[in-house]
Protein backbone atom coordinates (compact mmCIF):
# COMPACT_ATOMS: atom_id res chain seq x y z
CA MET A 1 0.00 0.00 0.00
CA THR A 2 1.25 3.49 -0.77
CA ASP A 3 1.76 5.93 2.08
CA ASN A 4 -0.70 8.45 0.60
CA TRP A 5 -3.69 6.11 0.27
CA MET A 6 -6.90 7.58 1.63
CA PRO A 7 -10.34 5.95 1.81
CA ALA A 8 -13.12 7.16 -0.47
CA GLU A 9 -15.11 8.05 2.66
CA GLN A 10 -13.32 10.35 5.09
CA GLU A 11 -15.97 9.65 7.74
CA LYS A 12 -18.09 6.65 8.69
CA GLN A 13 -21.14 6.54 10.93
CA LEU A 14 -21.13 3.74 13.49
CA ARG A 15 -24.54 2.74 14.88
CA THR A 16 -24.26 1.17 18.33
CA ARG A 17 -26.62 -0.40 20.85
CA VAL A 18 -25.40 -1.53 24.28
CA ALA A 19 -26.99 -3.72 26.93
CA HIS A 20 -26.09 -5.55 30.15
CA ASP A 21 -27.91 -8.04 32.33
CA ARG A 22 -25.75 -7.47 35.47
CA GLU A 23 -23.64 -10.45 34.44
CA ARG A 24 -22.60 -9.72 30.84
CA LEU A 25 -22.01 -6.69 28.60
CA HIS A 26 -23.44 -6.88 25.06
CA PHE A 27 -22.82 -4.68 22.01
CA GLN A 28 -24.50 -4.50 18.64
CA PHE A 29 -22.68 -2.54 15.92
CA ARG A 30 -23.87 -1.60 12.42
CA TRP A 31 -22.06 0.34 9.70
CA ASP A 32 -22.48 0.74 5.96
CA GLN A 33 -20.12 -1.40 3.89
CA PRO A 34 -21.06 -2.01 0.25
CA ASP A 35 -17.84 -3.81 -0.75
CA PRO A 36 -18.07 -7.63 -0.56
CA GLY A 37 -15.26 -9.96 0.43
CA GLY A 38 -14.16 -8.38 3.69
CA TRP A 39 -14.03 -11.87 5.21
CA ILE A 40 -11.09 -12.96 3.01
CA HIS A 41 -7.68 -12.43 4.60
CA ASP A 42 -3.94 -12.98 4.05
CA MET A 43 -3.84 -15.69 1.40
CA LEU A 44 -1.09 -17.92 -0.02
CA VAL A 45 -1.56 -18.20 -3.78
CA TYR A 46 0.14 -20.56 -6.25
CA HIS A 47 0.97 -18.13 -9.04
CA GLU A 48 3.32 -18.54 -12.00
CA GLY A 49 4.96 -21.66 -10.60
CA GLU A 50 5.49 -20.60 -6.98
CA TRP A 51 3.62 -19.83 -3.77
CA GLN A 52 3.20 -16.14 -2.97
CA GLN A 53 1.58 -14.19 -0.14
CA PHE A 54 -1.36 -11.99 -1.14
CA ALA A 55 -2.04 -9.94 1.99
CA ASP A 56 -2.59 -6.16 2.04
CA PRO A 57 -4.60 -4.26 0.76
CA SER A 58 -7.86 -5.69 -0.55
CA PRO A 59 -8.77 -5.09 -4.21
CA TRP A 60 -11.34 -2.38 -3.49
CA VAL A 61 -8.79 -0.23 -1.65
CA ASN A 62 -7.01 0.81 -4.84
CA ASP A 63 -7.70 0.57 -8.55
CA ASN A 64 -4.78 -1.60 -9.65
CA ASP A 65 -5.76 -4.08 -12.35
CA GLU A 66 -3.56 -6.78 -10.80
CA HIS A 67 -4.15 -6.77 -7.07
CA THR A 68 -2.31 -9.13 -4.75
CA GLY A 69 -3.96 -8.30 -1.44
CA PHE A 70 -6.72 -9.60 0.81
CA TYR A 71 -7.36 -8.04 4.22
CA GLU A 72 -10.29 -8.69 6.54
CA ASP A 73 -12.77 -6.13 7.88
CA ARG A 74 -12.49 -5.46 11.61
CA LEU A 75 -14.16 -3.59 14.44
CA SER A 76 -12.30 -2.74 17.64
CA PHE A 77 -12.65 -0.44 20.59
CA PHE A 78 -10.65 0.81 23.54
CA LEU A 79 -12.20 0.39 26.98
CA ASP A 80 -10.90 2.13 30.11
CA ASP A 81 -12.06 2.66 33.68
CA GLY A 82 -10.59 6.17 33.81
CA SER A 83 -7.10 5.10 34.89
CA VAL A 84 -5.29 6.22 31.72
CA ARG A 85 -4.51 9.92 31.75
CA GLY A 86 -5.46 11.65 28.52
CA PHE A 87 -7.57 8.86 27.07
CA GLU A 88 -10.90 10.55 27.74
CA GLU A 89 -9.70 13.63 25.88
CA PHE A 90 -7.77 12.06 22.98
CA ALA A 91 -8.96 8.48 22.40
CA GLY A 92 -6.73 6.39 20.11
CA TRP A 93 -4.62 9.39 19.12
CA LEU A 94 -2.99 8.96 22.54
CA THR A 95 -1.50 5.62 21.42
CA ALA A 96 0.06 6.59 18.05
CA HIS A 97 3.60 7.93 18.33
CA GLU A 98 6.65 8.81 16.30
CA GLY A 99 8.44 5.55 15.48
CA MET A 100 5.26 3.47 15.17
CA ARG A 101 4.88 1.20 12.17
CA SER A 102 2.99 2.59 9.16
CA LEU A 103 3.97 6.19 10.01
CA PRO A 104 6.64 8.00 7.98
CA SER A 105 8.79 8.06 11.12
CA ALA A 106 8.57 4.26 11.63
CA ALA A 107 11.57 2.91 13.52
CA SER A 108 13.81 0.58 11.55
CA VAL A 109 13.82 -3.15 12.21
CA ALA A 110 17.47 -2.90 13.25
CA ASP A 111 16.74 -0.16 15.81
CA VAL A 112 13.83 -2.06 17.34
CA GLU A 113 15.58 -5.42 17.44
CA SER A 114 18.63 -3.88 19.12
CA HIS A 115 16.54 -2.13 21.79
CA PRO A 116 16.92 -3.81 25.23
CA HIS A 117 13.17 -3.82 25.90
CA TYR A 118 11.43 -4.10 22.53
CA GLY A 119 14.05 -6.28 20.87
CA ASP A 120 15.81 -8.27 23.60
CA ARG A 121 12.99 -8.57 26.14
CA LEU A 122 9.86 -8.67 23.93
CA GLY A 123 11.41 -10.06 20.74
CA LYS A 124 9.73 -7.44 18.54
CA SER A 125 10.84 -5.96 15.23
CA ASP A 126 8.46 -2.96 15.05
CA ILE A 127 6.79 -0.42 17.31
CA ARG A 128 3.02 -0.57 17.70
CA LYS A 129 0.52 1.29 19.85
CA PHE A 130 1.72 2.34 23.31
CA LEU A 131 0.80 4.82 26.04
CA PRO A 132 2.99 7.89 26.51
CA GLN A 133 3.00 7.20 30.26
CA ALA A 134 4.87 3.96 29.53
CA CYS A 135 7.91 6.10 28.75
CA ALA A 136 10.15 8.22 31.00
CA GLY A 137 9.88 12.00 31.11
CA GLU A 138 6.76 14.14 31.17
CA TRP A 139 3.53 12.13 30.99
CA TRP A 140 2.87 13.23 27.40
CA GLU A 141 6.36 12.79 25.85
CA GLY A 142 6.08 9.15 24.67
CA ASP A 143 9.61 8.43 23.38
CA TRP A 144 9.63 4.66 22.79
CA GLN A 145 13.42 4.57 23.18
CA GLU A 146 12.92 5.73 26.80
CA VAL A 147 10.40 3.05 27.79
CA ARG A 148 10.10 2.46 31.52
CA SER A 149 11.63 -0.49 33.34
CA PRO A 150 9.80 -3.82 33.53
CA GLY A 151 9.08 -3.21 37.21
CA GLU A 152 7.50 0.16 36.54
CA LEU A 153 5.41 -1.28 33.70
CA ARG A 154 4.20 -4.13 35.92
CA ALA A 155 3.17 -1.61 38.58
CA MET A 156 1.26 0.45 36.00
CA LYS A 157 -0.54 -2.62 34.76
CA ALA A 158 -1.43 -3.67 38.31
CA ARG A 159 -2.99 -0.22 38.83
CA GLY A 160 -5.11 -0.68 35.71
CA GLU A 161 -3.14 1.88 33.69
CA PHE A 162 -3.64 0.17 30.35
CA LEU A 163 -6.24 0.28 27.59
CA ASP A 164 -8.35 -2.81 27.02
CA LEU A 165 -8.59 -3.52 23.26
CA PRO A 166 -11.14 -6.16 22.15
CA MET A 167 -11.64 -6.72 18.43
CA TRP A 168 -13.96 -8.55 16.04
CA ARG A 169 -12.19 -9.89 12.96
CA ALA A 170 -14.22 -11.02 9.95
CA HIS A 171 -11.76 -13.80 9.06
CA ARG A 172 -9.42 -14.44 12.00
CA SER A 173 -12.06 -14.73 14.74
CA ASP A 174 -15.64 -14.66 13.40
CA PRO A 175 -15.67 -18.22 11.98
CA VAL A 176 -15.21 -19.65 15.50
CA GLY A 177 -17.65 -17.23 17.17
CA TYR A 178 -15.17 -15.13 19.14
CA GLY A 179 -13.37 -11.82 19.14
CA THR A 180 -9.73 -11.32 19.93
CA ASP A 181 -8.50 -9.46 22.99
CA ALA A 182 -5.46 -7.26 23.54
CA HIS A 183 -4.32 -4.45 25.80
CA VAL A 184 -2.08 -1.44 25.26
CA LEU A 185 0.61 -0.27 27.67
CA ASP A 186 4.19 -0.29 26.35
CA TYR A 187 3.02 -2.24 23.27
CA ARG A 188 -0.16 -3.74 21.89
CA HIS A 189 -0.02 -7.06 23.74
CA ALA A 190 -2.30 -10.03 23.15
CA ASP A 191 -4.14 -11.06 26.32
CA ASP A 192 -2.97 -14.19 28.12
CA GLY A 193 -4.13 -17.50 26.71
CA ARG A 194 -4.63 -18.80 23.19
CA ARG A 195 -5.99 -16.41 20.58
CA THR A 196 -8.23 -17.44 17.69
CA TYR A 197 -5.57 -17.54 14.96
CA THR A 198 -2.02 -18.63 14.34
CA SER A 199 0.31 -18.75 11.30
CA GLN A 200 1.29 -21.70 9.20
CA GLU A 201 4.81 -22.07 7.80
CA TRP A 202 5.25 -21.95 4.05
CA THR A 203 7.90 -21.59 1.36
CA SER A 204 7.67 -20.41 -2.22
CA ASP A 205 8.70 -23.81 -3.60
CA GLY A 206 7.31 -26.16 -0.95
CA GLY A 207 3.99 -24.45 -0.30
CA PRO A 208 2.06 -24.28 3.00
CA GLU A 209 1.70 -26.85 5.75
CA LEU A 210 -2.09 -27.04 5.54
CA MET A 211 -4.92 -26.88 3.01
CA PHE A 212 -8.68 -27.32 2.88
CA ASP A 213 -10.12 -30.83 3.00
CA PRO A 214 -10.75 -31.58 -0.72
CA ASP A 215 -14.01 -33.29 0.28
CA VAL A 216 -15.17 -29.86 1.49
CA VAL A 217 -13.42 -27.51 -0.95
CA ASP A 218 -12.78 -28.83 -4.42
CA GLY A 219 -9.07 -29.01 -5.17
CA GLY A 220 -8.12 -28.33 -1.54
CA ALA A 221 -7.98 -24.56 -2.12
CA LEU A 222 -10.03 -21.52 -3.04
CA ASP A 223 -9.76 -20.21 -6.59
CA TYR A 224 -7.95 -16.87 -6.71
CA HIS A 225 -9.22 -16.08 -10.20
CA ALA A 226 -12.85 -16.74 -9.27
CA ILE A 227 -12.61 -14.64 -6.12
CA SER A 228 -10.86 -11.87 -8.05
CA ALA A 229 -13.89 -11.88 -10.36
CA GLY A 230 -16.18 -11.41 -7.34
CA GLU A 231 -17.21 -15.02 -6.71
CA PHE A 232 -16.73 -14.95 -2.94
CA PRO A 233 -17.65 -17.85 -0.63
CA ALA A 234 -20.80 -16.87 1.27
CA GLN A 235 -19.95 -14.90 4.41
CA GLY A 236 -20.79 -16.86 7.54
CA SER A 237 -21.94 -20.06 5.84
CA GLY A 238 -19.25 -20.57 3.19
CA THR A 239 -15.82 -22.15 3.64
CA TYR A 240 -13.07 -19.56 3.50
CA ALA A 241 -11.17 -20.00 6.79
CA LEU A 242 -8.94 -22.87 7.90
CA THR A 243 -11.03 -23.97 10.87
CA PRO A 244 -10.09 -27.34 12.42
CA ASP A 245 -13.06 -29.16 10.89
CA VAL A 246 -12.04 -28.40 7.29
CA THR A 247 -8.23 -28.50 7.55
CA VAL A 248 -5.87 -31.27 6.42
CA SER A 249 -2.15 -31.51 5.68
CA PHE A 250 -1.05 -29.94 2.41
CA ASP A 251 -0.79 -32.27 -0.58
CA PRO A 252 0.79 -30.64 -3.65
CA SER A 253 -0.69 -33.28 -5.91
CA VAL A 254 -4.14 -31.97 -4.92
CA ALA A 255 -3.76 -28.24 -4.17
CA GLU A 256 -0.84 -27.01 -6.25
CA TRP A 257 -2.51 -25.53 -9.32
CA GLU A 258 -2.48 -22.07 -10.89
CA GLY A 259 -4.60 -19.79 -8.72
CA ALA A 260 -4.90 -22.19 -5.78
CA MET A 261 -5.44 -20.00 -2.70
CA ILE A 262 -5.07 -21.11 0.93
CA PRO A 263 -5.28 -18.92 4.06
CA ARG A 264 -1.97 -18.31 5.82
CA ARG A 265 -3.77 -18.02 9.17
CA PRO A 266 -5.36 -21.21 10.58
CA ILE A 267 -8.30 -20.50 12.95
CA ARG A 268 -8.93 -22.26 16.26
CA GLU A 269 -10.95 -22.13 19.47
CA PRO A 270 -9.41 -19.59 21.89
CA ALA A 271 -8.69 -20.12 25.58
CA GLY A 272 -7.89 -18.11 28.69
CA SER A 273 -8.22 -14.35 28.89
CA ALA A 274 -7.92 -14.24 25.09
CA ALA A 275 -11.36 -15.92 24.94
CA ASP A 276 -13.31 -13.35 27.02
CA TRP A 277 -15.29 -11.96 24.07
CA THR A 278 -17.75 -13.93 21.99
CA ALA A 279 -18.54 -12.24 18.69
CA SER A 280 -20.50 -12.72 15.50
CA GLY A 281 -20.79 -10.69 12.30
CA THR A 282 -23.20 -10.77 9.36
CA TRP A 283 -22.67 -8.96 6.07
CA THR A 284 -26.13 -8.10 4.76
CA GLY A 285 -25.04 -6.95 1.31
CA ASP A 286 -24.70 -3.30 2.22
CA GLU A 287 -23.75 -3.22 5.90
CA TRP A 288 -22.05 -5.17 8.66
CA VAL A 289 -24.05 -6.17 11.73
CA VAL A 290 -21.68 -7.29 14.49
CA THR A 291 -22.43 -8.36 18.06
CA MET A 292 -19.92 -8.78 20.88
CA SER A 293 -20.37 -9.97 24.45
CA ARG A 294 -18.28 -10.67 27.59
CA PRO A 295 -18.73 -11.19 31.33
CA LEU A 296 -18.61 -8.00 33.39
CA VAL A 297 -16.10 -9.70 35.69
CA THR A 298 -13.50 -11.90 34.01
CA ASP A 299 -11.04 -14.49 35.30
CA ASP A 300 -7.99 -12.31 34.59
CA PRO A 301 -8.26 -8.65 35.66
CA SER A 302 -4.57 -8.09 34.94
CA ASP A 303 -5.23 -7.51 31.23
CA THR A 304 -8.99 -6.83 31.10
CA THR A 305 -10.98 -3.88 32.44
CA GLN A 306 -13.41 -5.13 35.06
CA LEU A 307 -16.97 -3.75 34.95
CA SER A 308 -19.75 -3.07 37.47
CA PRO A 309 -23.41 -2.07 37.01
CA GLY A 310 -24.03 1.59 37.79
CA GLU A 311 -20.48 2.69 36.94
CA THR A 312 -19.19 4.78 34.03
CA TYR A 313 -16.36 3.78 31.70
CA LEU A 314 -14.62 5.23 28.64
CA TRP A 315 -15.08 3.77 25.15
CA ALA A 316 -13.60 4.66 21.74
CA PRO A 317 -14.32 2.54 18.61
CA ALA A 318 -12.57 2.02 15.26
CA ILE A 319 -13.29 0.24 11.95
CA HIS A 320 -10.86 -1.29 9.46
CA HIS A 321 -11.85 -2.11 5.90
CA GLY A 322 -9.61 -3.78 3.36
CA ALA A 323 -6.33 -2.79 5.01
CA GLY A 324 -4.51 -2.90 8.34
CA LYS A 325 -2.25 -0.78 10.50
CA ARG A 326 -3.03 2.97 10.44
CA TRP A 327 -5.52 2.75 7.55
CA HIS A 328 -8.80 2.84 9.48
CA TRP A 329 -11.57 5.08 10.76
CA ALA A 330 -11.01 6.11 14.38
CA GLY A 331 -13.61 7.23 16.89
CA TYR A 332 -13.62 9.69 19.77
CA THR A 333 -13.87 8.76 23.44
CA HIS A 334 -17.40 8.40 24.80
CA ARG A 335 -18.52 7.94 28.37
CA LEU A 336 -20.30 4.61 28.71
CA GLY A 337 -22.65 4.08 31.64
CA LEU A 338 -23.75 0.59 32.69
CA GLY A 339 -27.37 1.24 33.55
CA ALA A 340 -26.55 4.86 34.37
CA THR A 341 -26.60 7.98 32.19
CA PRO A 342 -23.18 9.67 32.26
CA GLU A 343 -22.85 13.43 32.47
CA ARG A 344 -22.64 15.16 29.07
CA THR A 345 -20.01 17.83 28.44
CA ALA A 346 -19.65 19.98 25.32
CA ASP A 347 -16.04 18.89 24.75
CA LEU A 348 -16.97 15.21 24.41
CA PRO A 349 -19.42 13.32 22.18
CA PRO A 350 -22.80 12.27 23.58
CA PRO A 351 -22.45 9.45 26.11
CA LEU A 352 -23.78 5.90 25.72
CA VAL A 353 -25.90 3.89 28.10
CA ALA A 354 -25.72 0.11 28.39
CA HIS A 355 -29.38 -0.54 29.13
CA GLU A 356 -30.24 -3.23 31.65
CA VAL A 357 -32.12 -6.16 30.12
CA GLU A 358 -33.39 -9.55 31.21
CA SER A 359 -30.85 -12.33 31.55
CA ALA A 360 -29.05 -12.79 28.20
CA ALA A 361 -26.47 -15.55 27.87
CA THR A 362 -25.44 -14.28 24.44
CA ALA A 363 -25.87 -11.11 22.40
CA ALA A 364 -28.38 -13.01 20.24
CA ASP A 365 -30.67 -13.22 23.29
CA VAL A 366 -30.99 -9.43 23.50
CA ASP A 367 -34.04 -7.84 21.88
CA TRP A 368 -32.00 -5.16 20.13
CA ALA A 369 -35.01 -3.57 18.43
CA ARG A 370 -36.22 -2.35 21.83
CA LEU A 371 -33.01 -0.41 22.53
CA PRO A 372 -32.04 3.05 21.23
CA VAL A 373 -29.33 3.48 18.60
CA HIS A 374 -26.32 5.67 19.31
CA THR A 375 -24.78 7.03 16.09
CA THR A 376 -21.24 8.39 16.24
CA PRO A 377 -18.74 9.59 13.61
CA LEU A 378 -15.46 7.80 12.94
CA ILE A 379 -12.82 9.62 10.90
CA PHE A 380 -9.73 8.72 8.91
CA PRO A 381 -6.80 9.95 11.07
CA GLY A 382 -4.17 9.88 8.33
CA ILE A 383 -0.63 10.03 9.69
CA GLU A 384 -1.33 12.45 12.55
CA SER A 385 0.19 11.09 15.76
CA TRP A 386 0.31 11.99 19.43
CA THR A 387 3.84 13.27 18.80
CA ASP A 388 2.45 15.74 16.25
CA LEU A 389 -0.30 16.87 18.61
CA VAL A 390 1.87 17.56 21.66
CA ASN A 391 4.36 19.52 19.56
CA GLY A 392 1.89 21.35 17.32
CA GLN A 393 -0.28 24.45 17.35
CA HIS A 394 -2.30 23.41 20.41
CA ALA A 395 0.58 21.79 22.29
CA THR A 396 0.10 23.59 25.63
CA ALA A 397 -3.63 22.92 25.82
CA ILE A 398 -3.12 19.27 24.85
CA ARG A 399 -0.31 18.67 27.33
CA ASN A 400 -2.43 20.22 30.09
CA LEU A 401 -5.59 18.37 29.01
CA GLU A 402 -7.40 21.66 28.44
CA THR A 403 -8.96 20.51 25.15
CA THR A 404 -10.14 17.30 23.42
CA MET A 405 -10.00 15.78 19.92
CA TRP A 406 -13.77 16.31 19.71
CA LYS A 407 -13.22 20.04 20.29
CA LEU A 408 -10.09 20.30 18.11
CA HIS A 409 -12.07 18.80 15.22
CA GLY A 410 -14.77 21.45 15.63
CA ARG A 411 -17.47 19.09 16.92
CA ALA A 412 -18.13 20.67 20.31
CA ASP A 413 -21.49 22.05 19.15
CA GLU A 414 -22.78 18.75 17.74
């Protein structure tokens, strides 16, 4: 993807309903999405005599005649109990810093791998979302090269100074009925346990480790040429993900043919804290309808924000379509009350209420038609980062938390 790509829509409207039954929190999300195929992701394709990775971006992101990308649609949100300074005012902008991948200032692989924390301790090769407070200096500085010591980071996490980051993924989690779960402190860490997807090994000459069961998918693989022509497997009911029930070992005599396409990411049942969120999405032909649900109190509070009826939390959503990393629509921070109506201020968007309902074991048990819809704008943030904000025109007001992104974007009167 080129660095100057911008979506056709600079703003998306997210329609949200929220409920709780004193045991579980339930969300329903809806947003317009006319492009099909957002459930196809990161494919290995046998093309011109060798296996190649066709990953990012999806064909509808640009107008190239020969596209070699497939990237799933996603919905995510930050959730906080008020412990993270600056999050209420600046939402996800707080987590994007100079040096982060996909920004022009992205740190080099060599610099990250040689860093004592990110390279030696975490084994990373890039910089992803992090909180400025995870770094030494003033609370707002956020220099990843000055990240705090492991002891200081553990103490912050124990105090709840992290952002909970659940996500619904159209390919990498939806086929098994779950979301994925992460949290942001010094990095975007996956929650403890087993997440819904992994990666299979592959080589250009030897191919992948796994393929589809040929009794389920003819030829053991999807057909790249058919999908490129718009013949997508049906979302939800079709076979397009390597779930355990349709996966077998790769056999080149069956699945090595021009255009054979096999997902690089096998899907599996999650476990542990990584399995807190159940989730399900349906593409109706012109919009996504996604539901997500989790217990208010989870087994692992060390990486998940714990919730209580009657309390108010902070929530900021985002949507990805056809591409990853920074190429998404980001939302502002909203106050979210569980059975209570949070106070409204002019510098923040209208708050949400999770309405109390009868016992609902799953989001499908909620009568969503009875609940009000909260519509909120999400915008394309481009390459603007927290580093830009705290050194720009409004630096003093931002550093002192005397303004908000909602106000800076001229929305205070909405």
